[in-house]
Amino acid sequence: MTIAIPESLQSYRRTGSFTESTIPAALLSDHSTKKGVWGLIDVAEGSIRYVVTDTRRKPYEKIITQGGEPGVVEPTILHRVEPIGPVCFHVEFLRASY
């Protein structure tokens, strides 16, 4: 499943880097972004599983790896991440400019 991010979006915030031992519990549980907020999961080392759990979408999983395409988080869609061994990643948030 390929999700295209609208071109008009701009980055407005980025998390610090997380490792397999520092991932906040909220990211490991089902959660979502706010309306209009997209996310890009960028893996710097290792790999992570991105799981879409929202009933508005077909069940979906993607393994995001170092050097690969980032994971795309749609606004308001429930999802979670699961580390696959040692990992280092961050999340960049985008929205329309006002």
PDB file of N, CA and C in Angstrom:
ATOM      1  N   MET A   1       0.843  -1.179   0.000  1.00  0.00           N
ATOM      2  CA  MET A   1       0.000   0.000   0.000  1.00  0.00           C
ATOM      3  C   MET A   1       0.888   1.241   0.000  1.00  0.00           C
ATOM      4  N   THR A   2       0.693   2.096  -0.982  1.00  0.00           N
ATOM      5  CA  THR A   2       1.473   3.320  -1.091  1.00  0.00           C
ATOM      6  C   THR A   2       0.572   4.511  -0.804  1.00  0.00           C
ATOM      7  N   ILE A   3       1.003   5.340   0.113  1.00  0.00           N
ATOM      8  CA  ILE A   3       0.245   6.531   0.485  1.00  0.00           C
ATOM      9  C   ILE A   3       1.082   7.740   0.109  1.00  0.00           C
ATOM     10  N   ALA A   4       0.507   8.627  -0.683  1.00  0.00           N
ATOM     11  CA  ALA A   4       1.213   9.840  -1.099  1.00  0.00           C
ATOM     12  C   ALA A   4       0.886  10.989  -0.155  1.00  0.00           C
ATOM     13  N   ILE A   5       1.909  11.658   0.271  1.00  0.00           N
ATOM     14  CA  ILE A   5       1.734  12.833   1.129  1.00  0.00           C
ATOM     15  C   ILE A   5       1.461  14.031   0.223  1.00  0.00           C
ATOM     16  N   PRO A   6       0.455  14.821   0.534  1.00  0.00           N
ATOM     17  CA  PRO A   6       0.201  16.017  -0.279  1.00  0.00           C
ATOM     18  C   PRO A   6       1.445  16.905  -0.362  1.00  0.00           C
ATOM     19  N   GLU A   7       1.702  17.432  -1.544  1.00  0.00           N
ATOM     20  CA  GLU A   7       2.902  18.248  -1.754  1.00  0.00           C
ATOM     21  C   GLU A   7       2.879  19.567  -1.000  1.00  0.00           C
ATOM     22  N   SER A   8       1.709  20.040  -0.640  1.00  0.00           N
ATOM     23  CA  SER A   8       1.583  21.350   0.001  1.00  0.00           C
ATOM     24  C   SER A   8       1.957  21.359   1.483  1.00  0.00           C
ATOM     25  N   LEU A   9       2.282  20.206   2.039  1.00  0.00           N
ATOM     26  CA  LEU A   9       2.583  20.125   3.466  1.00  0.00           C
ATOM     27  C   LEU A   9       3.992  20.607   3.772  1.00  0.00           C
ATOM     28  N   GLN A  10       4.157  21.113   4.992  1.00  0.00           N
ATOM     29  CA  GLN A  10       5.469  21.561   5.448  1.00  0.00           C
ATOM     30  C   GLN A  10       5.784  20.931   6.797  1.00  0.00           C
ATOM     31  N   SER A  11       7.044  20.621   6.988  1.00  0.00           N
ATOM     32  CA  SER A  11       7.497  20.083   8.269  1.00  0.00           C
ATOM     33  C   SER A  11       7.378  21.167   9.327  1.00  0.00           C
ATOM     34  N   TYR A  12       6.860  20.787  10.517  1.00  0.00           N
ATOM     35  CA  TYR A  12       6.774  21.766  11.585  1.00  0.00           C
ATOM     36  C   TYR A  12       7.355  21.270  12.904  1.00  0.00           C
ATOM     37  N   ARG A  13       7.647  19.965  12.986  1.00  0.00           N
ATOM     38  CA  ARG A  13       8.217  19.440  14.228  1.00  0.00           C
ATOM     39  C   ARG A  13       8.854  18.087  13.957  1.00  0.00           C
ATOM     40  N   ARG A  14       9.881  17.790  14.738  1.00  0.00           N
ATOM     41  CA  ARG A  14      10.545  16.493  14.637  1.00  0.00           C
ATOM     42  C   ARG A  14      10.852  16.011  16.047  1.00  0.00           C
ATOM     43  N   THR A  15      10.607  14.726  16.273  1.00  0.00           N
ATOM     44  CA  THR A  15      10.958  14.162  17.574  1.00  0.00           C
ATOM     45  C   THR A  15      12.469  13.999  17.665  1.00  0.00           C
ATOM     46  N   GLY A  16      12.950  13.752  18.855  1.00  0.00           N
ATOM     47  CA  GLY A  16      14.324  13.318  19.002  1.00  0.00           C
ATOM     48  C   GLY A  16      14.419  11.883  18.508  1.00  0.00           C
ATOM     49  N   SER A  17      15.591  11.338  18.532  1.00  0.00           N
ATOM     50  CA  SER A  17      15.775   9.947  18.103  1.00  0.00           C
ATOM     51  C   SER A  17      15.370   8.985  19.210  1.00  0.00           C
ATOM     52  N   PHE A  18      14.726   7.906  18.820  1.00  0.00           N
ATOM     53  CA  PHE A  18      14.332   6.848  19.741  1.00  0.00           C
ATOM     54  C   PHE A  18      15.086   5.576  19.389  1.00  0.00           C
ATOM     55  N   THR A  19      15.382   4.769  20.405  1.00  0.00           N
ATOM     56  CA  THR A  19      15.968   3.452  20.195  1.00  0.00           C
ATOM     57  C   THR A  19      14.966   2.416  20.692  1.00  0.00           C
ATOM     58  N   GLU A  20      15.305   1.151  20.519  1.00  0.00           N
ATOM     59  CA  GLU A  20      14.415   0.083  20.981  1.00  0.00           C
ATOM     60  C   GLU A  20      14.144   0.172  22.480  1.00  0.00           C
ATOM     61  N   SER A  21      15.045   0.774  23.234  1.00  0.00           N
ATOM     62  CA  SER A  21      14.840   0.874  24.684  1.00  0.00           C
ATOM     63  C   SER A  21      14.282   2.224  25.129  1.00  0.00           C
ATOM     64  N   THR A  22      14.187   3.201  24.213  1.00  0.00           N
ATOM     65  CA  THR A  22      13.671   4.523  24.603  1.00  0.00           C
ATOM     66  C   THR A  22      12.372   4.909  23.890  1.00  0.00           C
ATOM     67  N   ILE A  23      11.797   4.004  23.111  1.00  0.00           N
ATOM     68  CA  ILE A  23      10.534   4.311  22.430  1.00  0.00           C
ATOM     69  C   ILE A  23       9.465   4.569  23.489  1.00  0.00           C
ATOM     70  N   PRO A  24       8.792   5.712  23.414  1.00  0.00           N
ATOM     71  CA  PRO A  24       7.714   5.968  24.379  1.00  0.00           C
ATOM     72  C   PRO A  24       6.611   4.908  24.265  1.00  0.00           C
ATOM     73  N   ALA A  25       6.043   4.535  25.391  1.00  0.00           N
ATOM     74  CA  ALA A  25       4.983   3.523  25.415  1.00  0.00           C
ATOM     75  C   ALA A  25       3.821   3.906  24.506  1.00  0.00           C
ATOM     76  N   ALA A  26       3.555   5.201  24.382  1.00  0.00           N
ATOM     77  CA  ALA A  26       2.449   5.655  23.532  1.00  0.00           C
ATOM     78  C   ALA A  26       2.646   5.252  22.073  1.00  0.00           C
ATOM     79  N   LEU A  27       3.892   5.202  21.603  1.00  0.00           N
ATOM     80  CA  LEU A  27       4.147   4.815  20.215  1.00  0.00           C
ATOM     81  C   LEU A  27       4.003   3.315  20.003  1.00  0.00           C
ATOM     82  N   LEU A  28       4.177   2.549  21.065  1.00  0.00           N
ATOM     83  CA  LEU A  28       4.048   1.094  20.980  1.00  0.00           C
ATOM     84  C   LEU A  28       2.589   0.642  21.050  1.00  0.00           C
ATOM     85  N   SER A  29       1.707   1.538  21.477  1.00  0.00           N
ATOM     86  CA  SER A  29       0.269   1.270  21.574  1.00  0.00           C
ATOM     87  C   SER A  29      -0.446   1.992  20.438  1.00  0.00           C
ATOM     88  N   ASP A  30      -1.689   1.598  20.179  1.00  0.00           N
ATOM     89  CA  ASP A  30      -2.463   2.275  19.144  1.00  0.00           C
ATOM     90  C   ASP A  30      -2.607   3.758  19.483  1.00  0.00           C
ATOM     91  N   HIS A  31      -2.305   4.603  18.506  1.00  0.00           N
ATOM     92  CA  HIS A  31      -2.430   6.049  18.666  1.00  0.00           C
ATOM     93  C   HIS A  31      -2.610   6.660  17.279  1.00  0.00           C
ATOM     94  N   SER A  32      -2.890   7.948  17.236  1.00  0.00           N
ATOM     95  CA  SER A  32      -3.056   8.619  15.947  1.00  0.00           C
ATOM     96  C   SER A  32      -2.570  10.054  16.044  1.00  0.00           C
ATOM     97  N   THR A  33      -2.387  10.662  14.882  1.00  0.00           N
ATOM     98  CA  THR A  33      -2.081  12.090  14.832  1.00  0.00           C
ATOM     99  C   THR A  33      -3.410  12.846  14.744  1.00  0.00           C
ATOM    100  N   LYS A  34      -3.347  14.149  14.923  1.00  0.00           N
ATOM    101  CA  LYS A  34      -4.544  14.980  14.841  1.00  0.00           C
ATOM    102  C   LYS A  34      -4.958  15.181  13.384  1.00  0.00           C
ATOM    103  N   LYS A  35      -6.149  15.672  13.201  1.00  0.00           N
ATOM    104  CA  LYS A  35      -6.657  15.987  11.869  1.00  0.00           C
ATOM    105  C   LYS A  35      -5.682  16.942  11.177  1.00  0.00           C
ATOM    106  N   GLY A  36      -5.304  16.620   9.950  1.00  0.00           N
ATOM    107  CA  GLY A  36      -4.407  17.465   9.167  1.00  0.00           C
ATOM    108  C   GLY A  36      -2.932  17.249   9.417  1.00  0.00           C
ATOM    109  N   VAL A  37      -2.580  16.395  10.386  1.00  0.00           N
ATOM    110  CA  VAL A  37      -1.171  16.164  10.720  1.00  0.00           C
ATOM    111  C   VAL A  37      -0.718  14.810  10.163  1.00  0.00           C
ATOM    112  N   TRP A  38       0.291  14.846   9.334  1.00  0.00           N
ATOM    113  CA  TRP A  38       0.898  13.656   8.756  1.00  0.00           C
ATOM    114  C   TRP A  38       2.212  13.390   9.472  1.00  0.00           C
ATOM    115  N   GLY A  39       2.699  12.167   9.403  1.00  0.00           N
ATOM    116  CA  GLY A  39       3.983  11.828  10.000  1.00  0.00           C
ATOM    117  C   GLY A  39       4.842  11.044   9.029  1.00  0.00           C
ATOM    118  N   LEU A  40       6.144  11.215   9.162  1.00  0.00           N
ATOM    119  CA  LEU A  40       7.122  10.419   8.417  1.00  0.00           C
ATOM    120  C   LEU A  40       8.016   9.735   9.430  1.00  0.00           C
ATOM    121  N   ILE A  41       8.058   8.416   9.398  1.00  0.00           N
ATOM    122  CA  ILE A  41       8.917   7.646  10.294  1.00  0.00           C
ATOM    123  C   ILE A  41      10.201   7.354   9.536  1.00  0.00           C
ATOM    124  N   ASP A  42      11.302   7.901  10.013  1.00  0.00           N
ATOM    125  CA  ASP A  42      12.592   7.753   9.346  1.00  0.00           C
ATOM    126  C   ASP A  42      13.526   6.915  10.216  1.00  0.00           C
ATOM    127  N   VAL A  43      13.944   5.784   9.692  1.00  0.00           N
ATOM    128  CA  VAL A  43      14.820   4.868  10.432  1.00  0.00           C
ATOM    129  C   VAL A  43      16.274   5.138  10.051  1.00  0.00           C
ATOM    130  N   ALA A  44      17.088   5.483  11.047  1.00  0.00           N
ATOM    131  CA  ALA A  44      18.515   5.749  10.828  1.00  0.00           C
ATOM    132  C   ALA A  44      19.355   4.483  10.974  1.00  0.00           C
ATOM    133  N   GLU A  45      18.904   3.559  11.824  1.00  0.00           N
ATOM    134  CA  GLU A  45      19.610   2.287  12.043  1.00  0.00           C
ATOM    135  C   GLU A  45      18.593   1.195  12.318  1.00  0.00           C
ATOM    136  N   GLY A  46      18.831   0.014  11.774  1.00  0.00           N
ATOM    137  CA  GLY A  46      17.977  -1.134  12.056  1.00  0.00           C
ATOM    138  C   GLY A  46      16.674  -1.100  11.286  1.00  0.00           C
ATOM    139  N   SER A  47      15.623  -1.643  11.912  1.00  0.00           N
ATOM    140  CA  SER A  47      14.308  -1.674  11.269  1.00  0.00           C
ATOM    141  C   SER A  47      13.199  -1.677  12.310  1.00  0.00           C
ATOM    142  N   ILE A  48      12.030  -1.255  11.863  1.00  0.00           N
ATOM    143  CA  ILE A  48      10.859  -1.147  12.726  1.00  0.00           C
ATOM    144  C   ILE A  48       9.632  -1.579  11.931  1.00  0.00           C
ATOM    145  N   ARG A  49       8.684  -2.157  12.620  1.00  0.00           N
ATOM    146  CA  ARG A  49       7.423  -2.551  11.979  1.00  0.00           C
ATOM    147  C   ARG A  49       6.393  -1.458  12.254  1.00  0.00           C
ATOM    148  N   TYR A  50       5.765  -0.951  11.187  1.00  0.00           N
ATOM    149  CA  TYR A  50       4.698   0.039  11.286  1.00  0.00           C
ATOM    150  C   TYR A  50       3.393  -0.701  11.024  1.00  0.00           C
ATOM    151  N   VAL A  51       2.457  -0.662  11.973  1.00  0.00           N
ATOM    152  CA  VAL A  51       1.217  -1.430  11.891  1.00  0.00           C
ATOM    153  C   VAL A  51       0.017  -0.481  11.942  1.00  0.00           C
ATOM    154  N   VAL A  52      -0.797  -0.497  10.878  1.00  0.00           N
ATOM    155  CA  VAL A  52      -2.032   0.281  10.862  1.00  0.00           C
ATOM    156  C   VAL A  52      -3.136  -0.600  11.431  1.00  0.00           C
ATOM    157  N   THR A  53      -3.790  -0.117  12.481  1.00  0.00           N
ATOM    158  CA  THR A  53      -4.820  -0.902  13.176  1.00  0.00           C
ATOM    159  C   THR A  53      -6.213  -0.284  13.051  1.00  0.00           C
ATOM    160  N   ASP A  54      -6.312   0.834  12.380  1.00  0.00           N
ATOM    161  CA  ASP A  54      -7.577   1.550  12.248  1.00  0.00           C
ATOM    162  C   ASP A  54      -8.575   0.746  11.419  1.00  0.00           C
ATOM    163  N   THR A  55      -9.810   0.667  11.879  1.00  0.00           N
ATOM    164  CA  THR A  55     -10.833  -0.110  11.168  1.00  0.00           C
ATOM    165  C   THR A  55     -11.284   0.571   9.876  1.00  0.00           C
ATOM    166  N   ARG A  56     -10.871   1.816   9.660  1.00  0.00           N
ATOM    167  CA  ARG A  56     -11.205   2.509   8.408  1.00  0.00           C
ATOM    168  C   ARG A  56     -10.262   2.114   7.273  1.00  0.00           C
ATOM    169  N   ARG A  57      -9.275   1.328   7.582  1.00  0.00           N
ATOM    170  CA  ARG A  57      -8.304   0.851   6.587  1.00  0.00           C
ATOM    171  C   ARG A  57      -8.213  -0.664   6.662  1.00  0.00           C
ATOM    172  N   LYS A  58      -7.755  -1.273   5.564  1.00  0.00           N
ATOM    173  CA  LYS A  58      -7.453  -2.702   5.595  1.00  0.00           C
ATOM    174  C   LYS A  58      -6.260  -2.883   6.527  1.00  0.00           C
ATOM    175  N   PRO A  59      -6.190  -4.015   7.237  1.00  0.00           N
ATOM    176  CA  PRO A  59      -5.001  -4.254   8.071  1.00  0.00           C
ATOM    177  C   PRO A  59      -3.739  -4.113   7.212  1.00  0.00           C
ATOM    178  N   TYR A  60      -2.729  -3.460   7.769  1.00  0.00           N
ATOM    179  CA  TYR A  60      -1.534  -3.152   6.990  1.00  0.00           C
ATOM    180  C   TYR A  60      -0.318  -3.137   7.898  1.00  0.00           C
ATOM    181  N   GLU A  61       0.760  -3.724   7.418  1.00  0.00           N
ATOM    182  CA  GLU A  61       2.048  -3.679   8.112  1.00  0.00           C
ATOM    183  C   GLU A  61       3.131  -3.360   7.103  1.00  0.00           C
ATOM    184  N   LYS A  62       4.117  -2.611   7.539  1.00  0.00           N
ATOM    185  CA  LYS A  62       5.263  -2.299   6.689  1.00  0.00           C
ATOM    186  C   LYS A  62       6.515  -2.334   7.546  1.00  0.00           C
ATOM    187  N   ILE A  63       7.546  -2.973   7.028  1.00  0.00           N
ATOM    188  CA  ILE A  63       8.847  -2.951   7.694  1.00  0.00           C
ATOM    189  C   ILE A  63       9.608  -1.753   7.124  1.00  0.00           C
ATOM    190  N   ILE A  64       9.986  -0.853   8.013  1.00  0.00           N
ATOM    191  CA  ILE A  64      10.724   0.347   7.609  1.00  0.00           C
ATOM    192  C   ILE A  64      12.177   0.135   8.002  1.00  0.00           C
ATOM    193  N   THR A  65      13.072   0.282   7.049  1.00  0.00           N
ATOM    194  CA  THR A  65      14.481  -0.005   7.287  1.00  0.00           C
ATOM    195  C   THR A  65      15.365   1.199   7.008  1.00  0.00           C
ATOM    196  N   GLN A  66      16.547   1.131   7.552  1.00  0.00           N
ATOM    197  CA  GLN A  66      17.568   2.155   7.318  1.00  0.00           C
ATOM    198  C   GLN A  66      17.798   2.292   5.817  1.00  0.00           C
ATOM    199  N   GLY A  67      17.744   3.498   5.317  1.00  0.00           N
ATOM    200  CA  GLY A  67      17.999   3.747   3.907  1.00  0.00           C
ATOM    201  C   GLY A  67      16.799   3.503   3.005  1.00  0.00           C
ATOM    202  N   GLY A  68      15.702   2.984   3.563  1.00  0.00           N
ATOM    203  CA  GLY A  68      14.508   2.735   2.766  1.00  0.00           C
ATOM    204  C   GLY A  68      13.556   3.920   2.814  1.00  0.00           C
ATOM    205  N   GLU A  69      12.414   3.738   2.183  1.00  0.00           N
ATOM    206  CA  GLU A  69      11.381   4.767   2.206  1.00  0.00           C
ATOM    207  C   GLU A  69      10.870   4.957   3.633  1.00  0.00           C
ATOM    208  N   PRO A  70      10.592   6.191   4.033  1.00  0.00           N
ATOM    209  CA  PRO A  70      10.040   6.404   5.373  1.00  0.00           C
ATOM    210  C   PRO A  70       8.618   5.852   5.466  1.00  0.00           C
ATOM    211  N   GLY A  71       8.183   5.583   6.671  1.00  0.00           N
ATOM    212  CA  GLY A  71       6.800   5.189   6.902  1.00  0.00           C
ATOM    213  C   GLY A  71       5.924   6.425   6.891  1.00  0.00           C
ATOM    214  N   VAL A  72       4.773   6.337   6.234  1.00  0.00           N
ATOM    215  CA  VAL A  72       3.858   7.469   6.130  1.00  0.00           C
ATOM    216  C   VAL A  72       2.684   7.257   7.073  1.00  0.00           C
ATOM    217  N   VAL A  73       2.478   8.208   7.959  1.00  0.00           N
ATOM    218  CA  VAL A  73       1.384   8.166   8.930  1.00  0.00           C
ATOM    219  C   VAL A  73       0.303   9.138   8.469  1.00  0.00           C
ATOM    220  N   GLU A  74      -0.881   8.610   8.209  1.00  0.00           N
ATOM    221  CA  GLU A  74      -2.006   9.445   7.794  1.00  0.00           C
ATOM    222  C   GLU A  74      -2.670  10.106   9.003  1.00  0.00           C
ATOM    223  N   PRO A  75      -3.236  11.289   8.807  1.00  0.00           N
ATOM    224  CA  PRO A  75      -3.945  11.948   9.906  1.00  0.00           C
ATOM    225  C   PRO A  75      -5.089  11.087  10.441  1.00  0.00           C
ATOM    226  N   THR A  76      -5.227  11.036  11.733  1.00  0.00           N
ATOM    227  CA  THR A  76      -6.304  10.393  12.504  1.00  0.00           C
ATOM    228  C   THR A  76      -6.382   8.874  12.387  1.00  0.00           C
ATOM    229  N   ILE A  77      -5.469   8.240  11.665  1.00  0.00           N
ATOM    230  CA  ILE A  77      -5.514   6.790  11.463  1.00  0.00           C
ATOM    231  C   ILE A  77      -4.728   6.088  12.586  1.00  0.00           C
ATOM    232  N   LEU A  78      -5.388   5.174  13.292  1.00  0.00           N
ATOM    233  CA  LEU A  78      -4.734   4.444  14.392  1.00  0.00           C
ATOM    234  C   LEU A  78      -3.596   3.569  13.867  1.00  0.00           C
ATOM    235  N   HIS A  79      -2.496   3.595  14.601  1.00  0.00           N
ATOM    236  CA  HIS A  79      -1.317   2.818  14.218  1.00  0.00           C
ATOM    237  C   HIS A  79      -0.427   2.642  15.444  1.00  0.00           C
ATOM    238  N   ARG A  80       0.599   1.811  15.279  1.00  0.00           N
ATOM    239  CA  ARG A  80       1.618   1.635  16.315  1.00  0.00           C
ATOM    240  C   ARG A  80       2.913   1.208  15.635  1.00  0.00           C
ATOM    241  N   VAL A  81       4.005   1.239  16.385  1.00  0.00           N
ATOM    242  CA  VAL A  81       5.281   0.744  15.871  1.00  0.00           C
ATOM    243  C   VAL A  81       5.805  -0.354  16.782  1.00  0.00           C
ATOM    244  N   GLU A  82       6.612  -1.238  16.210  1.00  0.00           N
ATOM    245  CA  GLU A  82       7.231  -2.329  16.958  1.00  0.00           C
ATOM    246  C   GLU A  82       8.690  -2.433  16.506  1.00  0.00           C
ATOM    247  N   PRO A  83       9.640  -2.278  17.428  1.00  0.00           N
ATOM    248  CA  PRO A  83      11.040  -2.420  17.031  1.00  0.00           C
ATOM    249  C   PRO A  83      11.350  -3.863  16.636  1.00  0.00           C
ATOM    250  N   ILE A  84      12.232  -4.016  15.671  1.00  0.00           N
ATOM    251  CA  ILE A  84      12.709  -5.336  15.277  1.00  0.00           C
ATOM    252  C   ILE A  84      14.200  -5.346  15.594  1.00  0.00           C
ATOM    253  N   GLY A  85      14.532  -5.716  16.810  1.00  0.00           N
ATOM    254  CA  GLY A  85      15.919  -5.677  17.251  1.00  0.00           C
ATOM    255  C   GLY A  85      16.372  -4.249  17.495  1.00  0.00           C
ATOM    256  N   PRO A  86      17.674  -4.029  17.495  1.00  0.00           N
ATOM    257  CA  PRO A  86      18.207  -2.685  17.713  1.00  0.00           C
ATOM    258  C   PRO A  86      17.743  -1.736  16.604  1.00  0.00           C
ATOM    259  N   VAL A  87      17.307  -0.539  16.996  1.00  0.00           N
ATOM    260  CA  VAL A  87      16.791   0.426  16.025  1.00  0.00           C
ATOM    261  C   VAL A  87      17.028   1.842  16.534  1.00  0.00           C
ATOM    262  N   CYS A  88      17.117   2.778  15.615  1.00  0.00           N
ATOM    263  CA  CYS A  88      17.176   4.199  15.930  1.00  0.00           C
ATOM    264  C   CYS A  88      16.332   4.902  14.869  1.00  0.00           C
ATOM    265  N   PHE A  89      15.338   5.685  15.320  1.00  0.00           N
ATOM    266  CA  PHE A  89      14.459   6.353  14.367  1.00  0.00           C
ATOM    267  C   PHE A  89      13.913   7.642  14.969  1.00  0.00           C
ATOM    268  N   HIS A  90      13.316   8.456  14.119  1.00  0.00           N
ATOM    269  CA  HIS A  90      12.607   9.656  14.573  1.00  0.00           C
ATOM    270  C   HIS A  90      11.357   9.821  13.721  1.00  0.00           C
ATOM    271  N   VAL A  91      10.475  10.706  14.177  1.00  0.00           N
ATOM    272  CA  VAL A  91       9.245  10.997  13.445  1.00  0.00           C
ATOM    273  C   VAL A  91       9.223  12.483  13.131  1.00  0.00           C
ATOM    274  N   GLU A  92       8.959  12.794  11.856  1.00  0.00           N
ATOM    275  CA  GLU A  92       8.817  14.188  11.418  1.00  0.00           C
ATOM    276  C   GLU A  92       7.335  14.432  11.168  1.00  0.00           C
ATOM    277  N   PHE A  93       6.821  15.553  11.675  1.00  0.00           N
ATOM    278  CA  PHE A  93       5.410  15.881  11.515  1.00  0.00           C
ATOM    279  C   PHE A  93       5.239  16.988  10.497  1.00  0.00           C
ATOM    280  N   LEU A  94       4.221  16.824   9.639  1.00  0.00           N
ATOM    281  CA  LEU A  94       3.944  17.780   8.573  1.00  0.00           C
ATOM    282  C   LEU A  94       2.480  18.202   8.617  1.00  0.00           C
ATOM    283  N   ARG A  95       2.231  19.412   8.163  1.00  0.00           N
ATOM    284  CA  ARG A  95       0.869  19.915   8.041  1.00  0.00           C
ATOM    285  C   ARG A  95       0.858  21.046   7.018  1.00  0.00           C
ATOM    286  N   ALA A  96      -0.331  21.458   6.637  1.00  0.00           N
ATOM    287  CA  ALA A  96      -0.452  22.571   5.704  1.00  0.00           C
ATOM    288  C   ALA A  96       0.043  23.852   6.382  1.00  0.00           C
ATOM    289  N   SER A  97       0.680  24.704   5.616  1.00  0.00           N
ATOM    290  CA  SER A  97       1.131  25.974   6.195  1.00  0.00           C
ATOM    291  C   SER A  97      -0.050  26.934   6.265  1.00  0.00           C
ATOM    292  N   TYR A  98      -0.038  27.756   7.264  1.00  0.00           N
ATOM    293  CA  TYR A  98      -1.148  28.676   7.472  1.00  0.00           C
ATOM    294  C   TYR A  98      -0.702  30.103   7.248  1.00  0.00           C
TER     295      TYR A  98
END
